[in-house]
């Protein structure tokens, strides 16, 4: 900066001396009238106000201070999860998704094979079905954005095309007693394309934005079944450390699942277990005395969120996952994982589900079945304690108020700063993945 200024002004006296004011005649000479009146005025002004060396040093120091302050602000933003609070993120999601009209009824009613051909293979969904939903973690008194989870959406920001997509997943995975091999390949291809699509979007971010995401540990999570994991690990990706994997419950575990998990923890930014809940026998074992389980009832009298007698991602399965994580962390203390408790068990644990009537329904169930309620809470507390002791985080697949989990934080102080909630104020609303750079991953929180 000083060399450029010296070249421009060329002081005739010693560079360290303060130049005295120029006289009117000196200004006139410096102005060179032959260059025209405007040029002459500019030259005269430059001659009168040319900075001295001490002034240039002071300017340089001010610039350095401003640059350092900007760096501190960016660093602070990165450490606060891009400083995006729940209210701001929810408002952005609602604003940007307001124009999506919803899923076409005839497509939502397709059978699995027709849905695969007409929607998935034809890439009919917006952004090929790759939408993201925010997850939040409390920092101090504010819930802030900490993760983005990729969910399938077509043209409705709040829900999948139902029942077509649900039936497609069932027919293409071990949820069905006889999965369709062709649909299984389509389902795996959809998961792989989602990974590639997110990797492509992350690659478009500049180096500074990527570094901020990495420092903030703001990862984009994708759902992969246990039987899709081997294929996912073979996909060439450029931004693995900015991506996380959530192992879904749709498929049975392959024999080498434990080894595949170890590879996933080495490869990706995080690897977590999705949709965990206990079976009836698992939480009944925590009861003070035997009881007969009865599910909650909706206002219309229908069964609501009944816990199963058998389930793939039950608490026993979650404990095996915790053991695998311990093994990975013994080799690399930086690896990360969460246990996500699904909506059904969140109803029993904290009394909150997605349905607007869930609070009242679960309040009545707790009053009518105090032994079962206490057993469910004890079972949940025990699993959460084991996960926290291993160094994991806990995600609730619902949004909730602070008062809903205050008793839990008092019982488990280690949960503070390690509890995540899904959706937040925006509920189930998701945002097309191609919008995230401009709408969520900004530094103006």
Protein backbone atom coordinates (compact mmCIF):
# COMPACT_ATOMS: atom_id res chain seq x y z
CA UNK A 1 0.00 0.00 0.00
CA UNK A 2 2.79 2.43 0.90
CA UNK A 3 4.81 1.64 -2.24
CA UNK A 4 1.78 2.36 -4.43
CA UNK A 5 1.14 5.64 -2.62
CA UNK A 6 4.79 6.67 -2.86
CA UNK A 7 4.77 5.99 -6.59
CA UNK A 8 1.61 8.05 -6.98
CA UNK A 9 2.60 11.08 -4.95
CA UNK A 10 6.45 11.07 -5.32
CA UNK A 11 7.29 13.40 -2.38
CA UNK A 12 10.26 15.61 -3.15
CA UNK A 13 11.44 15.94 0.45
CA UNK A 14 12.60 13.25 2.85
CA UNK A 15 9.93 10.53 2.98
CA UNK A 16 9.86 10.69 6.79
CA UNK A 17 9.28 14.43 6.96
CA UNK A 18 5.89 16.09 7.12
CA UNK A 19 5.22 17.97 3.89
CA UNK A 20 4.38 21.65 4.52
CA UNK A 21 1.28 23.13 2.92
CA UNK A 22 1.78 24.19 -0.71
CA UNK A 23 1.31 27.72 -1.79
CA UNK A 24 -1.24 28.85 -4.35
CA UNK A 25 1.50 29.11 -6.98
CA UNK A 26 2.79 25.59 -6.20
CA UNK A 27 -0.71 24.24 -6.56
CA UNK A 28 -1.08 26.00 -9.88
CA UNK A 29 2.19 24.54 -11.11
CA UNK A 30 1.26 21.06 -9.97
CA UNK A 31 -2.11 21.31 -11.62
CA UNK A 32 -0.70 21.62 -15.16
CA UNK A 33 -3.50 23.65 -16.74
CA UNK A 34 -2.79 22.16 -20.16
CA UNK A 35 -4.55 18.96 -18.98
CA UNK A 36 -7.86 20.80 -18.75
CA UNK A 37 -9.74 22.47 -15.84
CA UNK A 38 -11.08 19.25 -14.30
CA UNK A 39 -7.75 17.45 -14.48
CA UNK A 40 -6.04 20.51 -13.08
CA UNK A 41 -8.40 20.59 -10.09
CA UNK A 42 -7.84 16.87 -9.41
CA UNK A 43 -4.07 17.26 -9.56
CA UNK A 44 -4.17 20.24 -7.24
CA UNK A 45 -6.32 18.34 -4.76
CA UNK A 46 -3.92 15.36 -4.83
CA UNK A 47 -0.95 17.64 -4.26
CA UNK A 48 -2.62 19.36 -1.31
CA UNK A 49 -3.88 16.20 0.41
CA UNK A 50 -1.18 13.63 -0.39
CA UNK A 51 -0.77 11.44 2.74
CA UNK A 52 2.49 11.45 4.61
CA UNK A 53 4.24 8.27 5.70
CA UNK A 54 2.86 8.36 9.30
CA UNK A 55 -0.65 8.84 7.88
CA UNK A 56 -0.18 5.85 5.58
CA UNK A 57 0.97 3.70 8.49
CA UNK A 58 -2.09 4.70 10.49
CA UNK A 59 -4.36 3.83 7.55
CA UNK A 60 -2.67 0.46 7.18
CA UNK A 61 -3.10 -0.23 10.90
CA UNK A 62 -6.81 0.64 10.68
CA UNK A 63 -7.24 -1.73 7.75
CA UNK A 64 -5.54 -4.51 9.67
CA UNK A 65 -7.76 -3.93 12.69
CA UNK A 66 -10.90 -4.02 10.54
CA UNK A 67 -9.74 -7.24 8.83
CA UNK A 68 -9.00 -8.85 12.21
CA UNK A 69 -12.42 -7.84 13.54
CA UNK A 70 -14.11 -9.30 10.44
CA UNK A 71 -12.18 -12.55 10.91
CA UNK A 72 -13.27 -12.74 14.55
CA UNK A 73 -16.88 -12.21 13.52
CA UNK A 74 -16.67 -14.98 10.92
CA UNK A 75 -14.97 -17.27 13.44
CA UNK A 76 -17.69 -16.56 15.98
CA UNK A 77 -20.35 -17.25 13.37
CA UNK A 78 -18.72 -20.55 12.44
CA UNK A 79 -18.55 -21.68 16.04
CA UNK A 80 -22.23 -20.83 16.55
CA UNK A 81 -23.53 -22.99 13.71
CA UNK A 82 -23.57 -20.02 11.29
CA UNK A 83 -25.42 -18.05 13.99
CA UNK A 84 -28.77 -18.97 12.47
CA UNK A 85 -31.41 -19.14 15.21
CA UNK A 86 -34.46 -21.35 14.98
CA UNK A 87 -36.90 -18.47 14.41
CA UNK A 88 -34.89 -17.07 11.48
CA UNK A 89 -34.48 -20.45 9.79
CA UNK A 90 -38.17 -21.27 10.18
CA UNK A 91 -39.18 -17.91 8.71
CA UNK A 92 -36.90 -18.45 5.71
CA UNK A 93 -38.29 -21.92 5.10
CA UNK A 94 -41.88 -20.75 5.20
CA UNK A 95 -41.15 -17.85 2.85
CA UNK A 96 -39.23 -19.89 0.27
CA UNK A 97 -41.60 -22.87 0.22
CA UNK A 98 -44.85 -20.91 0.07
CA UNK A 99 -45.00 -21.21 -3.72
CA UNK A 100 -45.05 -25.03 -3.84
CA UNK A 101 -48.60 -26.09 -4.60
CA UNK A 102 -48.44 -29.66 -3.33
CA UNK A 103 -48.30 -33.19 -4.75
CA UNK A 104 -50.58 -34.22 -7.57
CA UNK A 105 -53.19 -36.65 -6.21
CA UNK A 106 -52.90 -39.06 -9.15
CA UNK A 107 -49.14 -39.42 -8.55
CA UNK A 108 -49.57 -39.85 -4.81
CA UNK A 109 -51.92 -42.78 -5.48
CA UNK A 110 -49.58 -44.74 -7.80
CA UNK A 111 -48.58 -48.32 -7.00
CA UNK A 112 -44.87 -48.92 -6.20
CA UNK A 113 -43.78 -49.97 -9.70
CA UNK A 114 -45.65 -47.13 -11.39
CA UNK A 115 -44.30 -44.64 -8.87
CA UNK A 116 -40.74 -45.84 -9.50
CA UNK A 117 -41.11 -45.50 -13.26
CA UNK A 118 -43.23 -42.35 -13.56
CA UNK A 119 -41.79 -40.31 -10.70
CA UNK A 120 -38.40 -41.56 -9.49
CA UNK A 121 -36.84 -42.75 -12.74
CA UNK A 122 -38.38 -39.83 -14.63
CA UNK A 123 -36.93 -37.45 -11.98
CA UNK A 124 -40.31 -35.76 -11.76
CA UNK A 125 -39.81 -34.48 -8.22
CA UNK A 126 -38.39 -31.00 -7.68
CA UNK A 127 -34.60 -31.27 -7.21
CA UNK A 128 -35.02 -35.00 -7.89
CA UNK A 129 -36.66 -35.32 -4.48
CA UNK A 130 -33.68 -33.95 -2.50
CA UNK A 131 -35.06 -31.52 0.06
CA UNK A 132 -33.50 -30.65 3.41
CA UNK A 133 -35.00 -30.22 6.86
CA UNK A 134 -33.18 -28.32 9.64
CA UNK A 135 -32.14 -29.72 13.00
CA UNK A 136 -31.34 -27.46 15.93
CA UNK A 137 -29.12 -27.58 19.00
CA UNK A 138 -29.43 -25.25 21.98
CA UNK A 139 -26.50 -22.91 22.54
CA UNK A 140 -27.07 -20.89 25.68
CA UNK A 141 -30.72 -19.86 25.57
CA UNK A 142 -31.07 -20.03 21.76
CA UNK A 143 -31.71 -23.01 19.50
CA UNK A 144 -29.45 -22.73 16.45
CA UNK A 145 -29.13 -24.58 13.17
CA UNK A 146 -26.70 -27.48 13.55
CA UNK A 147 -27.57 -30.02 10.84
CA UNK A 148 -29.52 -30.46 7.60
CA UNK A 149 -31.22 -33.78 6.86
CA UNK A 150 -32.10 -34.77 3.31
CA UNK A 151 -35.71 -35.94 3.00
CA UNK A 152 -37.73 -37.01 -0.01
CA UNK A 153 -40.28 -34.50 -1.21
CA UNK A 154 -41.95 -34.11 -4.61
CA UNK A 155 -43.75 -30.75 -4.76
CA UNK A 156 -45.07 -30.47 -1.20
CA UNK A 157 -42.70 -28.96 1.34
CA UNK A 158 -44.41 -30.66 4.29
CA UNK A 159 -45.01 -34.28 3.26
CA UNK A 160 -44.04 -37.11 0.94
CA UNK A 161 -46.45 -38.19 -1.81
CA UNK A 162 -48.60 -40.43 0.37
CA UNK A 163 -49.19 -43.32 0.19
CA UNK A 164 -47.16 -43.88 -3.01
CA UNK A 165 -43.69 -43.18 -1.60
CA UNK A 166 -44.33 -45.08 1.64
CA UNK A 167 -45.53 -48.11 -0.29
CA UNK A 168 -42.58 -47.87 -2.66
CA UNK A 169 -40.08 -47.92 0.24
CA UNK A 170 -41.89 -50.86 1.81
CA UNK A 171 -41.90 -52.87 -1.43
CA UNK A 172 -38.22 -52.15 -2.13
CA UNK A 173 -36.79 -53.02 1.31
CA UNK A 174 -36.93 -55.64 4.05
CA UNK A 175 -40.09 -54.01 5.36
CA UNK A 176 -41.72 -56.35 2.86
CA UNK A 177 -41.46 -60.13 3.38
CA UNK A 178 -40.68 -60.40 -0.36
CA UNK A 179 -38.91 -57.22 -1.56
CA UNK A 180 -39.06 -56.57 -5.30
CA UNK A 181 -35.45 -56.87 -6.64
CA UNK A 182 -36.03 -54.28 -9.36
CA UNK A 183 -37.54 -51.81 -6.91
CA UNK A 184 -34.68 -52.47 -4.47
CA UNK A 185 -32.21 -51.40 -7.17
CA UNK A 186 -34.28 -48.30 -7.87
CA UNK A 187 -34.38 -47.43 -4.17
CA UNK A 188 -30.61 -47.85 -3.83
CA UNK A 189 -30.07 -45.77 -6.98
CA UNK A 190 -32.22 -43.00 -5.50
CA UNK A 191 -30.08 -42.96 -2.34
CA UNK A 192 -26.83 -42.87 -4.33
CA UNK A 193 -28.05 -40.06 -6.60
CA UNK A 194 -29.02 -38.09 -3.50
CA UNK A 195 -25.45 -38.39 -2.21
CA UNK A 196 -24.04 -37.29 -5.56
CA UNK A 197 -26.50 -34.41 -5.80
CA UNK A 198 -25.61 -33.07 -2.36
CA UNK A 199 -21.90 -33.51 -3.11
CA UNK A 200 -22.34 -31.47 -6.29
CA UNK A 201 -24.13 -28.67 -4.44
CA UNK A 202 -21.45 -28.57 -1.74
CA UNK A 203 -18.75 -28.44 -4.41
CA UNK A 204 -20.24 -25.20 -5.73
CA UNK A 205 -19.55 -23.44 -2.43
CA UNK A 206 -16.34 -21.43 -2.23
CA UNK A 207 -13.47 -22.49 -0.01
CA UNK A 208 -14.32 -20.00 2.71
CA UNK A 209 -17.91 -21.21 2.98
CA UNK A 210 -16.81 -24.84 3.11
CA UNK A 211 -14.30 -24.05 5.86
CA UNK A 212 -17.04 -22.28 7.82
CA UNK A 213 -19.35 -25.28 7.50
CA UNK A 214 -16.58 -27.63 8.62
CA UNK A 215 -15.63 -25.46 11.61
CA UNK A 216 -19.29 -25.16 12.60
CA UNK A 217 -19.81 -28.92 12.13
CA UNK A 218 -22.89 -28.09 10.06
CA UNK A 219 -23.27 -31.35 8.14
CA UNK A 220 -25.82 -32.48 5.56
CA UNK A 221 -27.16 -35.91 6.52
CA UNK A 222 -28.49 -38.53 4.11
CA UNK A 223 -30.60 -41.60 4.89
CA UNK A 224 -29.03 -44.92 3.88
CA UNK A 225 -30.25 -48.42 4.75
CA UNK A 226 -27.86 -51.01 6.18
CA UNK A 227 -27.88 -52.92 2.89
CA UNK A 228 -27.17 -49.75 0.87
CA UNK A 229 -24.17 -48.77 3.00
CA UNK A 230 -21.57 -50.81 1.11
CA UNK A 231 -22.59 -49.22 -2.18
CA UNK A 232 -22.61 -45.75 -0.59
CA UNK A 233 -19.02 -46.19 0.60
CA UNK A 234 -17.90 -46.93 -2.97
CA UNK A 235 -19.33 -43.71 -4.43
CA UNK A 236 -16.57 -41.17 -5.30
CA UNK A 237 -17.37 -37.96 -3.42
CA UNK A 238 -15.40 -34.74 -2.93
CA UNK A 239 -17.08 -33.50 0.25
CA UNK A 240 -17.48 -36.55 2.48
CA UNK A 241 -16.46 -34.69 5.63
CA UNK A 242 -19.30 -32.22 5.08
CA UNK A 243 -21.78 -35.08 4.80
CA UNK A 244 -23.26 -37.43 7.39
CA UNK A 245 -25.03 -40.77 7.07
CA UNK A 246 -28.10 -41.84 9.03
CA UNK A 247 -28.67 -45.60 9.04
CA UNK A 248 -32.38 -46.14 8.53
CA UNK A 249 -34.44 -49.06 9.78
CA UNK A 250 -35.83 -50.29 6.44
CA UNK A 251 -33.39 -53.17 5.85
CA UNK A 252 -32.05 -56.06 7.88
CA UNK A 253 -28.39 -55.81 8.83
CA UNK A 254 -25.79 -57.51 6.62
CA UNK A 255 -23.22 -59.74 8.27
CA UNK A 256 -20.42 -57.20 7.87
CA UNK A 257 -22.41 -54.21 9.16
CA UNK A 258 -20.04 -53.53 12.05
CA UNK A 259 -17.05 -53.32 9.68
CA UNK A 260 -18.98 -51.12 7.25
CA UNK A 261 -19.82 -48.74 10.09
CA UNK A 262 -16.14 -48.43 10.97
CA UNK A 263 -15.40 -47.46 7.37
CA UNK A 264 -18.27 -44.95 7.39
CA UNK A 265 -16.96 -43.22 10.53
CA UNK A 266 -13.54 -42.89 8.88
CA UNK A 267 -15.02 -41.63 5.63
CA UNK A 268 -17.87 -39.27 6.51
CA UNK A 269 -18.29 -36.35 8.88
CA UNK A 270 -20.62 -38.40 11.08
CA UNK A 271 -22.56 -41.66 11.10
CA UNK A 272 -25.76 -41.93 13.16
CA UNK A 273 -28.58 -44.34 13.90
CA UNK A 274 -32.05 -43.31 12.76
CA UNK A 275 -35.52 -44.04 14.17
CA UNK A 276 -34.84 -45.85 17.43
CA UNK A 277 -37.62 -47.00 19.76
CA UNK A 278 -38.15 -49.82 22.25
CA UNK A 279 -40.37 -52.83 21.91
CA UNK A 280 -43.10 -53.36 24.49
CA UNK A 281 -41.05 -56.00 26.30
CA UNK A 282 -37.98 -53.73 26.43
CA UNK A 283 -39.67 -50.86 28.20
CA UNK A 284 -41.92 -53.13 30.28
CA UNK A 285 -38.81 -54.56 31.96
CA UNK A 286 -38.29 -51.16 33.62
CA UNK A 287 -41.67 -51.20 35.35
CA UNK A 288 -41.83 -51.38 39.14
CA UNK A 289 -44.56 -54.00 38.84
CA UNK A 290 -46.18 -55.87 35.93
CA UNK A 291 -48.77 -54.07 33.84
CA UNK A 292 -50.83 -54.68 30.72
CA UNK A 293 -49.78 -52.36 27.90
CA UNK A 294 -52.50 -50.40 26.12
CA UNK A 295 -51.73 -47.87 23.41
CA UNK A 296 -52.90 -44.24 23.54
CA UNK A 297 -56.12 -43.32 21.75
CA UNK A 298 -56.85 -40.46 19.35
CA UNK A 299 -59.82 -38.14 20.02
CA UNK A 300 -61.76 -40.40 17.61
CA UNK A 301 -60.89 -43.49 19.66
CA UNK A 302 -58.33 -45.02 17.29
CA UNK A 303 -55.03 -46.51 18.42
CA UNK A 304 -52.23 -43.91 18.37
CA UNK A 305 -48.47 -44.58 18.21
CA UNK A 306 -48.66 -48.11 19.56
CA UNK A 307 -45.22 -49.53 20.36
CA UNK A 308 -44.38 -52.77 18.50
CA UNK A 309 -43.68 -56.21 19.86
CA UNK A 310 -40.71 -56.50 17.45
CA UNK A 311 -38.73 -53.77 15.71
CA UNK A 312 -35.49 -53.64 13.73
CA UNK A 313 -34.01 -50.54 15.43
CA UNK A 314 -35.01 -51.48 18.96
CA UNK A 315 -32.98 -50.62 22.06
CA UNK A 316 -30.91 -53.81 21.81
CA UNK A 317 -29.92 -52.86 18.27
CA UNK A 318 -29.10 -49.31 19.44
CA UNK A 319 -26.80 -50.70 22.14
CA UNK A 320 -24.87 -52.70 19.52
CA UNK A 321 -24.53 -49.46 17.55
CA UNK A 322 -23.14 -47.73 20.66
CA UNK A 323 -20.55 -50.50 21.03
CA UNK A 324 -19.49 -50.07 17.41
CA UNK A 325 -19.15 -46.33 18.00
CA UNK A 326 -16.98 -46.91 21.06
CA UNK A 327 -14.67 -49.06 18.95
CA UNK A 328 -14.41 -46.35 16.29
CA UNK A 329 -13.81 -43.61 18.86
CA UNK A 330 -11.04 -45.59 20.51
CA UNK A 331 -9.17 -45.35 17.21
CA UNK A 332 -10.21 -41.79 16.34
CA UNK A 333 -11.62 -39.52 19.10
CA UNK A 334 -12.97 -37.07 16.50
CA UNK A 335 -15.66 -39.37 15.08
CA UNK A 336 -19.27 -38.32 15.69
CA UNK A 337 -22.64 -40.04 16.02
CA UNK A 338 -26.18 -39.46 17.25
CA UNK A 339 -28.99 -41.71 18.36
CA UNK A 340 -32.28 -40.46 16.95
CA UNK A 341 -35.37 -41.40 18.93
CA UNK A 342 -38.31 -41.65 16.56
CA UNK A 343 -41.58 -39.77 16.84
CA UNK A 344 -43.48 -42.67 18.39
CA UNK A 345 -41.14 -42.99 21.35
CA UNK A 346 -40.89 -39.21 21.73
CA UNK A 347 -44.63 -39.31 22.43
CA UNK A 348 -43.99 -41.62 25.39
CA UNK A 349 -40.80 -39.95 26.59
CA UNK A 350 -41.67 -36.23 26.42
CA UNK A 351 -45.36 -36.35 25.44
CA UNK A 352 -44.91 -34.67 22.04
CA UNK A 353 -45.62 -35.96 18.53
CA UNK A 354 -46.30 -34.42 15.13
CA UNK A 355 -50.10 -34.45 15.40
CA UNK A 356 -51.67 -31.32 16.93
CA UNK A 357 -53.62 -33.48 19.38
CA UNK A 358 -50.55 -35.47 20.54
CA UNK A 359 -49.95 -33.51 23.75
CA UNK A 360 -53.47 -33.97 25.03
CA UNK A 361 -53.60 -37.62 24.00
CA UNK A 362 -50.31 -38.45 25.72
CA UNK A 363 -51.23 -36.46 28.83
CA UNK A 364 -54.36 -38.55 29.23
CA UNK A 365 -52.45 -41.78 28.57
CA UNK A 366 -49.90 -40.92 31.29
CA UNK A 367 -52.72 -40.28 33.75
CA UNK A 368 -54.46 -43.55 32.88
CA UNK A 369 -51.26 -45.66 32.75
CA UNK A 370 -48.78 -44.28 35.30
CA UNK A 371 -46.78 -47.53 35.57
CA UNK A 372 -46.31 -47.82 31.82
CA UNK A 373 -45.44 -44.12 31.54
CA UNK A 374 -42.80 -44.37 34.27
CA UNK A 375 -41.34 -47.48 32.63
CA UNK A 376 -41.10 -45.76 29.25
CA UNK A 377 -39.29 -42.79 30.76
CA UNK A 378 -36.89 -45.03 32.70
CA UNK A 379 -36.08 -47.04 29.59
CA UNK A 380 -35.42 -43.87 27.62
CA UNK A 381 -33.25 -42.35 30.34
CA UNK A 382 -31.12 -45.48 30.51
CA UNK A 383 -30.42 -45.57 26.76
CA UNK A 384 -29.70 -41.84 26.63
CA UNK A 385 -27.24 -42.17 29.53
CA UNK A 386 -25.39 -44.98 27.72
CA UNK A 387 -25.19 -42.94 24.51
CA UNK A 388 -23.96 -39.82 26.32
CA UNK A 389 -21.33 -41.84 28.19
CA UNK A 390 -20.00 -43.05 24.84
CA UNK A 391 -19.73 -39.45 23.58
CA UNK A 392 -22.78 -39.43 21.32
CA UNK A 393 -25.52 -36.88 20.82
CA UNK A 394 -29.28 -37.41 21.09
CA UNK A 395 -31.84 -36.32 18.50
CA UNK A 396 -35.59 -36.18 19.03
CA UNK A 397 -37.55 -36.62 15.79
CA UNK A 398 -40.01 -33.95 16.88
CA UNK A 399 -40.04 -30.29 17.69
CA UNK A 400 -40.73 -29.37 21.30
CA UNK A 401 -40.77 -26.58 23.85
CA UNK A 402 -37.97 -26.16 26.40
CA UNK A 403 -40.44 -26.99 29.16
CA UNK A 404 -41.07 -30.40 27.56
CA UNK A 405 -37.47 -31.49 28.18
CA UNK A 406 -36.59 -29.54 31.32
CA UNK A 407 -37.12 -32.60 33.53
CA UNK A 408 -34.84 -34.57 31.22
CA UNK A 409 -32.04 -32.00 31.36
CA UNK A 410 -32.31 -31.89 35.16
CA UNK A 411 -32.08 -35.68 35.34
CA UNK A 412 -29.19 -35.78 32.83
CA UNK A 413 -27.11 -32.57 32.96
CA UNK A 414 -24.68 -34.07 30.42
CA UNK A 415 -27.45 -33.79 27.83
CA UNK A 416 -27.10 -29.99 27.79
CA UNK A 417 -25.59 -28.94 24.45
CA UNK A 418 -25.95 -32.45 23.02
CA UNK A 419 -29.71 -32.58 22.45
CA UNK A 420 -31.05 -31.92 18.95
CA UNK A 421 -34.60 -31.37 17.77
CA UNK A 422 -35.86 -31.88 14.25
CA UNK A 423 -37.81 -29.30 12.31
CA UNK A 424 -38.14 -26.69 15.03
CA UNK A 425 -40.79 -24.02 14.56
CA UNK A 426 -41.18 -24.96 10.89
CA UNK A 427 -42.28 -28.49 11.78
CA UNK A 428 -42.02 -30.92 8.88
CA UNK A 429 -41.32 -28.22 6.28
CA UNK A 430 -38.31 -28.97 4.06
CA UNK A 431 -36.46 -26.81 1.54
CA UNK A 432 -35.25 -27.89 -1.92
CA UNK A 433 -31.57 -28.74 -1.65
CA UNK A 434 -30.60 -26.33 -4.42
CA UNK A 435 -31.87 -23.43 -2.28
CA UNK A 436 -29.70 -24.08 0.77
CA UNK A 437 -26.68 -21.98 -0.21
CA UNK A 438 -28.71 -18.79 -0.68
CA UNK A 439 -31.44 -19.38 1.90
CA UNK A 440 -29.85 -21.18 4.84
CA UNK A 441 -26.07 -21.25 4.58
CA UNK A 442 -25.64 -17.50 4.89
CA UNK A 443 -23.61 -15.61 7.44
CA UNK A 444 -26.11 -12.90 8.24
CA UNK A 445 -27.93 -14.63 11.09
